[in-house]
N, C-alpha and C. Protein backbone atom coordinates (compact mmCIF):
# COMPACT_ATOMS: atom_id res chain seq x y z
N UNK A 1 -47.49 -54.68 30.58
CA UNK A 1 -46.08 -54.90 30.37
C UNK A 1 -45.28 -53.81 31.06
N UNK A 2 -44.07 -54.13 31.43
CA UNK A 2 -43.21 -53.14 32.06
C UNK A 2 -42.59 -52.29 30.96
N UNK A 3 -42.81 -50.98 31.05
CA UNK A 3 -42.39 -50.06 30.00
C UNK A 3 -41.01 -49.51 30.33
N UNK A 4 -39.98 -50.05 29.70
CA UNK A 4 -38.62 -49.58 29.98
C UNK A 4 -38.11 -48.62 28.91
N UNK A 5 -38.92 -48.34 27.92
CA UNK A 5 -38.48 -47.44 26.86
C UNK A 5 -39.63 -46.59 26.35
N UNK A 6 -40.18 -45.74 27.21
CA UNK A 6 -41.38 -44.96 26.89
C UNK A 6 -41.12 -44.03 25.70
N UNK A 7 -41.95 -44.16 24.64
CA UNK A 7 -41.81 -43.29 23.47
C UNK A 7 -43.12 -42.64 23.06
N UNK A 8 -44.25 -43.17 23.51
CA UNK A 8 -45.55 -42.65 23.08
C UNK A 8 -46.08 -41.59 24.02
N UNK A 9 -47.37 -41.27 23.86
CA UNK A 9 -48.02 -40.28 24.71
C UNK A 9 -48.27 -40.86 26.09
N UNK A 10 -48.22 -39.99 27.09
CA UNK A 10 -48.54 -40.43 28.45
C UNK A 10 -50.04 -40.58 28.60
N UNK A 11 -50.46 -41.50 29.43
CA UNK A 11 -51.87 -41.76 29.64
C UNK A 11 -52.58 -40.58 30.29
N UNK A 12 -51.86 -39.90 31.21
CA UNK A 12 -52.44 -38.76 31.93
C UNK A 12 -51.63 -37.51 31.62
N UNK A 13 -52.27 -36.35 31.69
CA UNK A 13 -51.54 -35.11 31.42
C UNK A 13 -50.34 -34.95 32.35
N UNK A 14 -49.23 -34.50 31.78
CA UNK A 14 -48.01 -34.32 32.57
C UNK A 14 -48.11 -33.04 33.40
N UNK A 15 -48.71 -32.01 32.80
CA UNK A 15 -48.83 -30.72 33.50
C UNK A 15 -50.24 -30.58 34.07
N UNK A 16 -50.30 -29.93 35.20
CA UNK A 16 -51.58 -29.72 35.86
C UNK A 16 -51.67 -28.27 36.30
N UNK A 17 -52.88 -27.74 36.32
CA UNK A 17 -53.08 -26.38 36.81
C UNK A 17 -53.28 -26.35 38.32
N UNK A 18 -53.45 -27.53 38.93
CA UNK A 18 -53.65 -27.58 40.37
C UNK A 18 -52.36 -27.25 41.10
N UNK A 19 -52.49 -26.47 42.17
CA UNK A 19 -51.32 -26.10 42.97
C UNK A 19 -51.42 -26.62 44.40
N UNK A 20 -52.57 -27.16 44.76
CA UNK A 20 -52.78 -27.65 46.12
C UNK A 20 -53.65 -28.89 46.06
N UNK A 21 -53.36 -29.86 46.89
CA UNK A 21 -54.13 -31.10 46.85
C UNK A 21 -55.60 -30.88 47.20
N UNK A 22 -55.89 -29.83 47.97
CA UNK A 22 -57.28 -29.56 48.33
C UNK A 22 -58.10 -29.03 47.17
N UNK A 23 -57.42 -28.59 46.09
CA UNK A 23 -58.12 -28.08 44.92
C UNK A 23 -58.58 -29.18 43.98
N UNK A 24 -58.05 -30.37 44.16
CA UNK A 24 -58.37 -31.48 43.26
C UNK A 24 -59.69 -32.11 43.68
N UNK A 25 -60.56 -32.35 42.69
CA UNK A 25 -61.85 -32.95 43.02
C UNK A 25 -61.67 -34.36 43.55
N UNK A 26 -62.61 -34.77 44.41
CA UNK A 26 -62.53 -36.08 45.04
C UNK A 26 -62.79 -37.17 44.00
N UNK A 27 -62.08 -38.29 44.14
CA UNK A 27 -62.29 -39.43 43.26
C UNK A 27 -61.04 -40.28 43.19
N UNK A 28 -61.09 -41.29 42.36
CA UNK A 28 -59.95 -42.19 42.21
C UNK A 28 -58.79 -41.47 41.54
N UNK A 29 -57.61 -41.73 42.01
CA UNK A 29 -56.41 -41.16 41.39
C UNK A 29 -55.85 -42.16 40.39
N UNK A 30 -55.07 -41.70 39.42
CA UNK A 30 -54.47 -42.62 38.45
C UNK A 30 -53.60 -43.65 39.14
N UNK A 31 -53.53 -44.84 38.56
CA UNK A 31 -52.69 -45.89 39.11
C UNK A 31 -51.23 -45.47 38.99
N UNK A 32 -50.41 -45.97 39.90
CA UNK A 32 -48.98 -45.62 39.89
C UNK A 32 -48.18 -46.89 40.18
N UNK A 33 -47.25 -47.19 39.34
CA UNK A 33 -46.39 -48.33 39.58
C UNK A 33 -45.22 -47.92 40.45
N UNK A 34 -44.51 -48.91 40.94
CA UNK A 34 -43.30 -48.65 41.70
C UNK A 34 -42.21 -48.23 40.73
N UNK A 35 -41.50 -47.20 41.04
CA UNK A 35 -40.38 -46.78 40.21
C UNK A 35 -40.79 -45.72 39.23
N UNK A 36 -39.94 -45.39 38.26
CA UNK A 36 -38.82 -46.22 37.78
C UNK A 36 -37.53 -46.05 38.57
N UNK A 37 -37.64 -45.82 39.87
CA UNK A 37 -36.47 -45.49 40.65
C UNK A 37 -36.07 -46.63 41.60
N UNK A 38 -36.27 -47.87 41.20
CA UNK A 38 -36.00 -48.98 42.11
C UNK A 38 -34.53 -49.08 42.47
N UNK A 39 -33.64 -48.47 41.72
CA UNK A 39 -32.21 -48.60 42.01
C UNK A 39 -31.71 -47.58 43.02
N UNK A 40 -32.44 -46.48 43.20
CA UNK A 40 -31.94 -45.41 44.06
C UNK A 40 -31.79 -45.91 45.49
N UNK A 41 -30.60 -45.74 46.03
CA UNK A 41 -30.31 -46.16 47.39
C UNK A 41 -30.01 -47.64 47.52
N UNK A 42 -30.17 -48.39 46.45
CA UNK A 42 -29.95 -49.84 46.50
C UNK A 42 -28.74 -50.26 45.69
N UNK A 43 -28.27 -49.39 44.81
CA UNK A 43 -27.15 -49.73 43.94
C UNK A 43 -25.84 -49.37 44.64
N UNK A 44 -25.12 -50.40 45.05
CA UNK A 44 -23.86 -50.22 45.77
C UNK A 44 -22.79 -51.04 45.03
N UNK A 45 -21.67 -50.41 44.74
CA UNK A 45 -20.60 -51.10 44.03
C UNK A 45 -20.17 -52.36 44.78
N UNK A 46 -20.02 -53.44 44.04
CA UNK A 46 -19.47 -54.67 44.61
C UNK A 46 -20.49 -55.65 45.16
N UNK A 47 -21.77 -55.29 45.20
CA UNK A 47 -22.75 -56.22 45.78
C UNK A 47 -23.00 -57.43 44.89
N UNK A 48 -22.55 -57.35 43.63
CA UNK A 48 -22.70 -58.50 42.73
C UNK A 48 -21.55 -59.49 42.87
N UNK A 49 -20.57 -59.17 43.71
CA UNK A 49 -19.39 -60.02 43.91
C UNK A 49 -19.52 -60.76 45.24
N UNK A 50 -19.94 -62.02 45.19
CA UNK A 50 -20.03 -62.81 46.41
C UNK A 50 -18.69 -63.40 46.79
N UNK A 51 -17.82 -63.52 45.80
CA UNK A 51 -16.41 -63.89 46.02
C UNK A 51 -15.57 -63.04 45.08
N UNK A 52 -14.29 -62.96 45.35
CA UNK A 52 -13.37 -62.25 44.48
C UNK A 52 -13.28 -62.98 43.15
N UNK A 53 -13.19 -62.22 42.06
CA UNK A 53 -13.15 -62.85 40.73
C UNK A 53 -11.93 -63.74 40.54
N UNK A 54 -10.88 -63.54 41.37
CA UNK A 54 -9.67 -64.36 41.28
C UNK A 54 -9.75 -65.62 42.13
N UNK A 55 -10.84 -65.80 42.86
CA UNK A 55 -11.03 -67.01 43.65
C UNK A 55 -11.02 -68.21 42.70
N UNK A 56 -10.28 -69.27 43.01
CA UNK A 56 -10.21 -70.42 42.08
C UNK A 56 -11.55 -71.10 41.84
N UNK A 57 -12.51 -70.90 42.75
CA UNK A 57 -13.83 -71.52 42.58
C UNK A 57 -14.87 -70.57 42.02
N UNK A 58 -14.45 -69.36 41.67
CA UNK A 58 -15.41 -68.35 41.20
C UNK A 58 -16.02 -68.72 39.86
N UNK A 59 -17.32 -68.48 39.73
CA UNK A 59 -18.04 -68.66 38.47
C UNK A 59 -18.94 -67.46 38.27
N UNK A 60 -19.25 -67.15 37.01
CA UNK A 60 -20.22 -66.10 36.73
C UNK A 60 -21.59 -66.74 36.58
N UNK A 61 -22.56 -66.17 37.27
CA UNK A 61 -23.96 -66.58 37.13
C UNK A 61 -24.72 -65.36 36.64
N UNK A 62 -25.46 -65.51 35.55
CA UNK A 62 -26.20 -64.38 35.00
C UNK A 62 -27.67 -64.74 34.83
N UNK A 63 -28.48 -63.69 34.88
CA UNK A 63 -29.92 -63.80 34.70
C UNK A 63 -30.35 -62.75 33.68
N UNK A 64 -31.18 -63.14 32.72
CA UNK A 64 -31.79 -62.16 31.81
C UNK A 64 -33.28 -62.14 32.08
N UNK A 65 -33.81 -60.94 32.36
CA UNK A 65 -35.20 -60.78 32.75
C UNK A 65 -35.98 -60.20 31.56
N UNK A 66 -37.11 -60.85 31.22
CA UNK A 66 -37.94 -60.43 30.08
C UNK A 66 -39.37 -60.22 30.53
N UNK A 67 -40.04 -59.23 29.91
CA UNK A 67 -41.45 -58.99 30.22
C UNK A 67 -42.34 -59.84 29.31
N UNK A 68 -43.64 -59.59 29.38
CA UNK A 68 -44.60 -60.40 28.64
C UNK A 68 -44.52 -60.25 27.14
N UNK A 69 -43.89 -59.17 26.66
CA UNK A 69 -43.69 -59.00 25.22
C UNK A 69 -42.37 -59.59 24.76
N UNK A 70 -41.61 -60.15 25.69
CA UNK A 70 -40.29 -60.68 25.35
C UNK A 70 -39.21 -59.62 25.32
N UNK A 71 -39.55 -58.42 25.78
CA UNK A 71 -38.57 -57.32 25.82
C UNK A 71 -37.76 -57.39 27.10
N UNK A 72 -36.48 -57.04 27.05
CA UNK A 72 -35.67 -57.06 28.26
C UNK A 72 -36.14 -56.01 29.26
N UNK A 73 -36.11 -56.36 30.53
CA UNK A 73 -36.47 -55.43 31.60
C UNK A 73 -35.18 -54.78 32.08
N UNK A 74 -34.89 -53.63 31.50
CA UNK A 74 -33.58 -53.00 31.71
C UNK A 74 -33.42 -52.39 33.09
N UNK A 75 -34.51 -52.23 33.84
CA UNK A 75 -34.37 -51.68 35.19
C UNK A 75 -34.56 -52.75 36.26
N UNK A 76 -34.45 -54.02 35.89
CA UNK A 76 -34.62 -55.09 36.87
C UNK A 76 -33.46 -55.09 37.88
N UNK A 77 -33.78 -55.50 39.09
CA UNK A 77 -32.78 -55.70 40.12
C UNK A 77 -32.94 -57.14 40.60
N UNK A 78 -31.85 -57.89 40.61
CA UNK A 78 -31.90 -59.30 41.00
C UNK A 78 -31.06 -59.48 42.25
N UNK A 79 -31.61 -60.22 43.22
CA UNK A 79 -30.86 -60.58 44.42
C UNK A 79 -30.75 -62.09 44.49
N UNK A 80 -29.62 -62.57 44.99
CA UNK A 80 -29.46 -64.01 45.23
C UNK A 80 -29.01 -64.22 46.67
N UNK A 81 -29.39 -65.36 47.20
CA UNK A 81 -28.98 -65.80 48.53
C UNK A 81 -28.64 -67.27 48.39
N UNK A 82 -27.52 -67.67 48.92
CA UNK A 82 -27.09 -69.04 48.69
C UNK A 82 -26.26 -69.59 49.83
N UNK A 83 -26.14 -70.91 49.82
CA UNK A 83 -25.28 -71.60 50.77
C UNK A 83 -23.84 -71.55 50.28
N UNK A 84 -22.92 -71.91 51.18
CA UNK A 84 -21.52 -72.03 50.77
C UNK A 84 -21.30 -73.40 50.12
N UNK A 85 -20.05 -73.75 49.85
CA UNK A 85 -19.77 -75.01 49.15
C UNK A 85 -20.11 -76.25 49.97
N UNK A 86 -20.25 -76.05 51.30
CA UNK A 86 -20.63 -77.17 52.16
C UNK A 86 -22.14 -77.24 52.40
N UNK A 87 -22.90 -76.38 51.72
CA UNK A 87 -24.35 -76.39 51.89
C UNK A 87 -24.82 -75.68 53.14
N UNK A 88 -24.01 -74.78 53.68
CA UNK A 88 -24.39 -74.06 54.90
C UNK A 88 -24.71 -72.61 54.57
N UNK A 89 -25.82 -72.12 55.14
CA UNK A 89 -26.20 -70.73 55.00
C UNK A 89 -25.67 -69.93 56.19
N UNK A 90 -25.49 -68.62 55.98
CA UNK A 90 -25.12 -67.71 57.06
C UNK A 90 -23.91 -68.21 57.83
N UNK A 91 -22.85 -68.43 57.12
CA UNK A 91 -21.66 -68.96 57.77
C UNK A 91 -20.43 -68.21 57.30
N UNK A 92 -19.43 -68.18 58.16
CA UNK A 92 -18.15 -67.59 57.81
C UNK A 92 -17.12 -68.68 57.51
N UNK A 93 -17.60 -69.89 57.22
CA UNK A 93 -16.68 -71.01 57.06
C UNK A 93 -15.83 -70.88 55.80
N UNK A 94 -16.28 -70.10 54.82
CA UNK A 94 -15.49 -69.90 53.62
C UNK A 94 -14.99 -68.46 53.64
N UNK A 95 -13.71 -68.30 53.83
CA UNK A 95 -13.15 -66.95 53.91
C UNK A 95 -13.34 -66.22 52.58
N UNK A 96 -13.79 -64.98 52.66
CA UNK A 96 -13.99 -64.17 51.46
C UNK A 96 -15.30 -64.44 50.73
N UNK A 97 -16.19 -65.25 51.31
CA UNK A 97 -17.47 -65.55 50.67
C UNK A 97 -18.60 -64.85 51.41
N UNK A 98 -19.46 -64.18 50.66
CA UNK A 98 -20.66 -63.56 51.21
C UNK A 98 -21.85 -64.20 50.52
N UNK A 99 -22.80 -64.71 51.26
CA UNK A 99 -23.89 -65.49 50.68
C UNK A 99 -25.03 -64.71 50.09
N UNK A 100 -24.97 -63.38 50.15
CA UNK A 100 -26.04 -62.54 49.62
C UNK A 100 -25.48 -61.59 48.58
N UNK A 101 -26.15 -61.47 47.44
CA UNK A 101 -25.68 -60.57 46.39
C UNK A 101 -26.83 -59.83 45.74
N UNK A 102 -26.49 -58.68 45.14
CA UNK A 102 -27.49 -57.86 44.44
C UNK A 102 -26.83 -57.31 43.18
N UNK A 103 -27.55 -57.41 42.06
CA UNK A 103 -27.02 -56.89 40.79
C UNK A 103 -28.14 -56.21 40.02
N UNK A 104 -27.77 -55.15 39.30
CA UNK A 104 -28.71 -54.41 38.48
C UNK A 104 -28.59 -54.87 37.03
N UNK A 105 -29.71 -54.99 36.35
CA UNK A 105 -29.70 -55.41 34.95
C UNK A 105 -29.16 -54.30 34.07
N UNK A 106 -28.52 -54.71 32.98
CA UNK A 106 -28.07 -53.75 31.98
C UNK A 106 -29.18 -53.57 30.93
N UNK A 107 -28.86 -52.90 29.82
CA UNK A 107 -29.88 -52.61 28.81
C UNK A 107 -30.44 -53.87 28.16
N UNK A 108 -29.75 -55.00 28.29
CA UNK A 108 -30.27 -56.26 27.74
C UNK A 108 -31.11 -57.02 28.77
N UNK A 109 -31.32 -56.41 29.94
CA UNK A 109 -32.08 -57.07 31.00
C UNK A 109 -31.27 -58.10 31.75
N UNK A 110 -29.94 -58.07 31.61
CA UNK A 110 -29.09 -59.09 32.20
C UNK A 110 -28.35 -58.58 33.43
N UNK A 111 -28.45 -59.35 34.51
CA UNK A 111 -27.73 -59.08 35.76
C UNK A 111 -26.71 -60.19 35.96
N UNK A 112 -25.50 -59.81 36.39
CA UNK A 112 -24.40 -60.79 36.52
C UNK A 112 -23.83 -60.81 37.93
N UNK A 113 -23.49 -62.01 38.39
CA UNK A 113 -22.89 -62.21 39.70
C UNK A 113 -21.60 -63.01 39.56
N UNK A 114 -20.66 -62.77 40.45
CA UNK A 114 -19.49 -63.63 40.60
C UNK A 114 -19.65 -64.34 41.93
N UNK A 115 -19.72 -65.66 41.91
CA UNK A 115 -20.01 -66.42 43.12
C UNK A 115 -19.37 -67.80 43.04
N UNK A 116 -19.77 -68.69 43.92
CA UNK A 116 -19.33 -70.08 43.89
C UNK A 116 -20.57 -70.97 43.74
N UNK A 117 -20.36 -72.18 43.26
CA UNK A 117 -21.46 -73.14 43.20
C UNK A 117 -21.67 -73.67 44.62
N UNK A 118 -22.89 -73.53 45.14
CA UNK A 118 -23.14 -73.98 46.51
C UNK A 118 -23.24 -75.49 46.61
N UNK A 119 -23.12 -75.98 47.83
CA UNK A 119 -23.39 -77.38 48.09
C UNK A 119 -24.88 -77.59 48.30
N UNK A 120 -25.31 -78.84 48.34
CA UNK A 120 -26.71 -79.15 48.61
C UNK A 120 -27.06 -78.80 50.05
N UNK A 121 -28.31 -78.47 50.29
CA UNK A 121 -28.77 -78.02 51.60
C UNK A 121 -29.94 -78.88 52.07
N UNK A 122 -29.74 -79.66 53.14
CA UNK A 122 -30.80 -80.45 53.77
C UNK A 122 -31.65 -81.22 52.75
N UNK A 123 -30.99 -81.98 51.91
CA UNK A 123 -31.68 -82.82 50.95
C UNK A 123 -32.09 -82.11 49.67
N UNK A 124 -31.80 -80.82 49.56
CA UNK A 124 -32.13 -80.09 48.35
C UNK A 124 -30.91 -80.04 47.43
N UNK A 125 -31.17 -80.04 46.13
CA UNK A 125 -30.08 -79.92 45.16
C UNK A 125 -29.43 -78.55 45.28
N UNK A 126 -28.15 -78.42 44.91
CA UNK A 126 -27.52 -77.10 44.93
C UNK A 126 -28.34 -76.09 44.13
N UNK A 127 -28.58 -74.93 44.73
CA UNK A 127 -29.42 -73.92 44.09
C UNK A 127 -29.11 -72.54 44.64
N UNK A 128 -29.59 -71.53 43.94
CA UNK A 128 -29.58 -70.15 44.41
C UNK A 128 -31.02 -69.73 44.64
N UNK A 129 -31.28 -69.06 45.73
CA UNK A 129 -32.57 -68.42 45.94
C UNK A 129 -32.51 -67.08 45.23
N UNK A 130 -33.54 -66.74 44.46
CA UNK A 130 -33.50 -65.57 43.59
C UNK A 130 -34.70 -64.67 43.86
N UNK A 131 -34.44 -63.38 44.02
CA UNK A 131 -35.49 -62.38 44.15
C UNK A 131 -35.40 -61.39 42.99
N UNK A 132 -36.54 -61.03 42.41
CA UNK A 132 -36.57 -60.12 41.27
C UNK A 132 -37.44 -58.91 41.62
N UNK A 133 -36.87 -57.72 41.39
CA UNK A 133 -37.59 -56.46 41.55
C UNK A 133 -37.55 -55.72 40.22
N UNK A 134 -38.56 -54.91 39.94
CA UNK A 134 -38.52 -54.02 38.77
C UNK A 134 -39.69 -53.06 38.88
N UNK A 135 -39.63 -52.02 38.09
CA UNK A 135 -40.75 -51.08 38.01
C UNK A 135 -42.00 -51.85 37.62
N UNK A 136 -43.10 -51.59 38.32
CA UNK A 136 -44.36 -52.26 38.02
C UNK A 136 -44.57 -53.53 38.82
N UNK A 137 -43.54 -54.02 39.48
CA UNK A 137 -43.67 -55.19 40.33
C UNK A 137 -43.82 -54.70 41.76
N UNK A 138 -44.98 -54.90 42.36
CA UNK A 138 -45.26 -54.33 43.67
C UNK A 138 -44.68 -55.16 44.81
N UNK A 139 -44.42 -56.43 44.58
CA UNK A 139 -43.80 -57.28 45.58
C UNK A 139 -42.70 -58.09 44.92
N UNK A 140 -41.65 -58.34 45.67
CA UNK A 140 -40.54 -59.14 45.14
C UNK A 140 -41.04 -60.49 44.65
N UNK A 141 -40.52 -60.92 43.51
CA UNK A 141 -40.83 -62.24 42.98
C UNK A 141 -39.74 -63.21 43.41
N UNK A 142 -40.12 -64.37 43.89
CA UNK A 142 -39.17 -65.37 44.39
C UNK A 142 -39.11 -66.55 43.44
N UNK A 143 -37.91 -66.94 43.06
CA UNK A 143 -37.74 -68.14 42.26
C UNK A 143 -36.41 -68.79 42.65
N UNK A 144 -35.97 -69.75 41.89
CA UNK A 144 -34.72 -70.46 42.17
C UNK A 144 -33.95 -70.69 40.89
N UNK A 145 -32.64 -70.85 41.03
CA UNK A 145 -31.78 -71.31 39.95
C UNK A 145 -31.13 -72.60 40.45
N UNK A 146 -31.29 -73.66 39.67
CA UNK A 146 -30.64 -74.94 39.96
C UNK A 146 -29.50 -75.15 38.97
N UNK A 147 -28.50 -75.90 39.39
CA UNK A 147 -27.34 -76.17 38.54
C UNK A 147 -27.56 -77.51 37.82
N UNK A 148 -27.13 -77.62 36.56
CA UNK A 148 -27.54 -78.76 35.73
C UNK A 148 -26.77 -80.06 35.96
N UNK A 149 -25.62 -80.01 36.63
CA UNK A 149 -24.74 -81.19 36.63
C UNK A 149 -25.29 -82.40 37.37
N UNK A 150 -25.83 -82.22 38.56
CA UNK A 150 -26.22 -83.35 39.39
C UNK A 150 -27.68 -83.72 39.14
N UNK A 151 -27.91 -84.53 38.13
CA UNK A 151 -29.28 -84.86 37.74
C UNK A 151 -30.01 -85.68 38.80
N UNK A 152 -29.28 -86.53 39.53
CA UNK A 152 -29.93 -87.32 40.60
C UNK A 152 -30.44 -86.40 41.70
N UNK A 153 -29.64 -85.40 42.08
CA UNK A 153 -30.07 -84.45 43.12
C UNK A 153 -31.26 -83.62 42.63
N UNK A 154 -31.27 -83.27 41.34
CA UNK A 154 -32.39 -82.51 40.80
C UNK A 154 -33.68 -83.33 40.84
N UNK A 155 -33.59 -84.59 40.52
CA UNK A 155 -34.78 -85.45 40.52
C UNK A 155 -35.32 -85.64 41.93
N UNK A 156 -34.44 -85.60 42.94
CA UNK A 156 -34.86 -85.82 44.32
C UNK A 156 -35.20 -84.53 45.06
N UNK A 157 -34.96 -83.38 44.46
CA UNK A 157 -35.16 -82.12 45.16
C UNK A 157 -36.64 -81.93 45.52
N UNK A 158 -36.94 -81.69 46.82
CA UNK A 158 -38.35 -81.62 47.24
C UNK A 158 -39.08 -80.37 46.74
N UNK A 159 -38.37 -79.29 46.45
CA UNK A 159 -39.03 -78.08 45.95
C UNK A 159 -39.25 -78.19 44.44
N UNK A 160 -38.21 -78.59 43.72
CA UNK A 160 -38.33 -78.72 42.27
C UNK A 160 -39.40 -79.76 41.91
N UNK A 161 -39.52 -80.79 42.71
CA UNK A 161 -40.50 -81.84 42.41
C UNK A 161 -41.94 -81.38 42.61
N UNK A 162 -42.15 -80.20 43.22
CA UNK A 162 -43.50 -79.66 43.36
C UNK A 162 -44.04 -79.13 42.02
N UNK A 163 -43.13 -78.90 41.08
CA UNK A 163 -43.54 -78.40 39.77
C UNK A 163 -43.86 -79.55 38.83
N UNK A 164 -44.72 -79.27 37.85
CA UNK A 164 -44.93 -80.25 36.78
C UNK A 164 -43.60 -80.51 36.10
N UNK A 165 -43.38 -81.75 35.69
CA UNK A 165 -42.10 -82.13 35.09
C UNK A 165 -41.75 -81.26 33.89
N UNK A 166 -42.76 -80.80 33.15
CA UNK A 166 -42.49 -79.99 31.95
C UNK A 166 -41.97 -78.60 32.29
N UNK A 167 -42.22 -78.14 33.53
CA UNK A 167 -41.80 -76.79 33.92
C UNK A 167 -40.49 -76.76 34.71
N UNK A 168 -40.03 -77.89 35.15
CA UNK A 168 -38.80 -77.94 35.94
C UNK A 168 -37.58 -77.40 35.19
N UNK A 169 -37.44 -77.67 33.89
CA UNK A 169 -36.28 -77.13 33.17
C UNK A 169 -36.20 -75.60 33.18
N UNK A 170 -37.31 -74.92 33.43
CA UNK A 170 -37.31 -73.46 33.46
C UNK A 170 -36.48 -72.90 34.62
N UNK A 171 -36.18 -73.73 35.60
CA UNK A 171 -35.39 -73.30 36.76
C UNK A 171 -33.98 -73.88 36.74
N UNK A 172 -33.63 -74.63 35.72
CA UNK A 172 -32.30 -75.23 35.65
C UNK A 172 -31.44 -74.39 34.71
N UNK A 173 -30.32 -73.91 35.24
CA UNK A 173 -29.45 -73.00 34.49
C UNK A 173 -28.80 -73.71 33.31
N UNK A 174 -28.46 -72.91 32.34
CA UNK A 174 -27.67 -73.37 31.19
C UNK A 174 -26.20 -73.12 31.50
N UNK A 175 -25.37 -74.14 31.34
CA UNK A 175 -23.92 -73.94 31.47
C UNK A 175 -23.46 -73.12 30.28
N UNK A 176 -22.73 -72.02 30.57
CA UNK A 176 -22.35 -71.10 29.49
C UNK A 176 -21.00 -70.46 29.80
N UNK A 177 -20.03 -70.63 28.93
CA UNK A 177 -18.72 -69.96 29.03
C UNK A 177 -18.09 -70.15 30.41
N UNK A 178 -18.15 -71.34 30.93
CA UNK A 178 -17.56 -71.62 32.24
C UNK A 178 -18.40 -71.15 33.40
N UNK A 179 -19.59 -70.59 33.12
CA UNK A 179 -20.50 -70.14 34.17
C UNK A 179 -21.89 -70.68 33.91
N UNK A 180 -22.90 -69.94 34.38
CA UNK A 180 -24.28 -70.41 34.28
C UNK A 180 -25.19 -69.23 33.93
N UNK A 181 -26.27 -69.53 33.20
CA UNK A 181 -27.22 -68.49 32.82
C UNK A 181 -28.64 -69.03 32.94
N UNK A 182 -29.55 -68.13 33.37
CA UNK A 182 -30.97 -68.48 33.46
C UNK A 182 -31.80 -67.30 32.94
N UNK A 183 -32.74 -67.58 32.05
CA UNK A 183 -33.71 -66.57 31.62
C UNK A 183 -34.87 -66.56 32.60
N UNK A 184 -35.32 -65.37 32.96
CA UNK A 184 -36.49 -65.20 33.82
C UNK A 184 -37.55 -64.49 33.00
N UNK A 185 -38.65 -65.18 32.75
CA UNK A 185 -39.74 -64.62 31.96
C UNK A 185 -40.89 -64.30 32.91
N UNK A 186 -41.15 -63.01 33.07
CA UNK A 186 -42.18 -62.57 34.01
C UNK A 186 -43.57 -62.97 33.55
N UNK A 187 -43.77 -62.97 32.25
CA UNK A 187 -45.03 -63.39 31.63
C UNK A 187 -44.72 -63.97 30.27
N UNK A 188 -45.70 -64.67 29.71
CA UNK A 188 -45.56 -65.15 28.33
C UNK A 188 -46.95 -65.45 27.82
N UNK A 189 -47.15 -65.31 26.52
CA UNK A 189 -48.45 -65.65 25.95
C UNK A 189 -48.77 -67.12 26.19
N UNK A 190 -47.73 -67.93 26.32
CA UNK A 190 -47.88 -69.33 26.70
C UNK A 190 -47.49 -69.45 28.17
N UNK A 191 -48.46 -69.57 29.09
CA UNK A 191 -48.14 -69.62 30.53
C UNK A 191 -47.14 -70.71 30.90
N UNK A 192 -47.06 -71.75 30.09
CA UNK A 192 -46.12 -72.82 30.40
C UNK A 192 -44.68 -72.38 30.25
N UNK A 193 -44.43 -71.24 29.58
CA UNK A 193 -43.08 -70.74 29.41
C UNK A 193 -42.68 -69.70 30.45
N UNK A 194 -43.66 -69.26 31.27
CA UNK A 194 -43.36 -68.30 32.32
C UNK A 194 -42.50 -68.95 33.40
N UNK A 195 -41.59 -68.19 33.94
CA UNK A 195 -40.76 -68.69 35.04
C UNK A 195 -41.65 -69.01 36.23
N UNK A 196 -41.48 -70.16 36.86
CA UNK A 196 -42.23 -70.45 38.08
C UNK A 196 -41.75 -69.56 39.23
N UNK A 197 -42.69 -68.94 39.94
CA UNK A 197 -42.38 -68.15 41.11
C UNK A 197 -43.05 -68.79 42.32
N UNK A 198 -42.48 -68.55 43.48
CA UNK A 198 -42.94 -69.18 44.70
C UNK A 198 -43.48 -68.14 45.67
N UNK A 199 -44.52 -68.49 46.42
CA UNK A 199 -45.01 -67.63 47.49
C UNK A 199 -44.39 -68.12 48.79
N UNK A 200 -43.99 -67.17 49.63
CA UNK A 200 -43.35 -67.53 50.90
C UNK A 200 -44.25 -67.21 52.06
């Protein structure tokens, strides 16, 4: 599990009498996870704002990230990449819109974005591409957020249809307070409840 609130004893001694790497006996070294410094150099004000909050089409999209114990991952970093309202990526067609965003989770494991609902892209239902980073995760995890309104587009989506029907709802956001929310479960005692991730 990802330890975001260390309170017990450390697995290895914190202090060492060694002063030089050549003094250490040969053998395997203790395992080391990434972080807990995943935010250093990556946290920049405003990267969670893909559009101005006063934009008439602006919506809040939030993600809550949980570990295998169901505890919030308070050091998670979430990135999204999305099309504009016409379903086009990498375009300046919408003034004031940036298709890439990054947000850091708060103590509840929740990361929030201000963005617009994208259009469908090449036969795919409107969605956000989502990347998740956190301490202990050695490679970015890739998943998606789909919007719940267009059920016909969801049924026809070629990526979503690759999943078992019982797992598809795990990628469909909940409409909440005029915006959207998705829980991301990195692990679960019931694998059917884990968020589906994709290899690229």
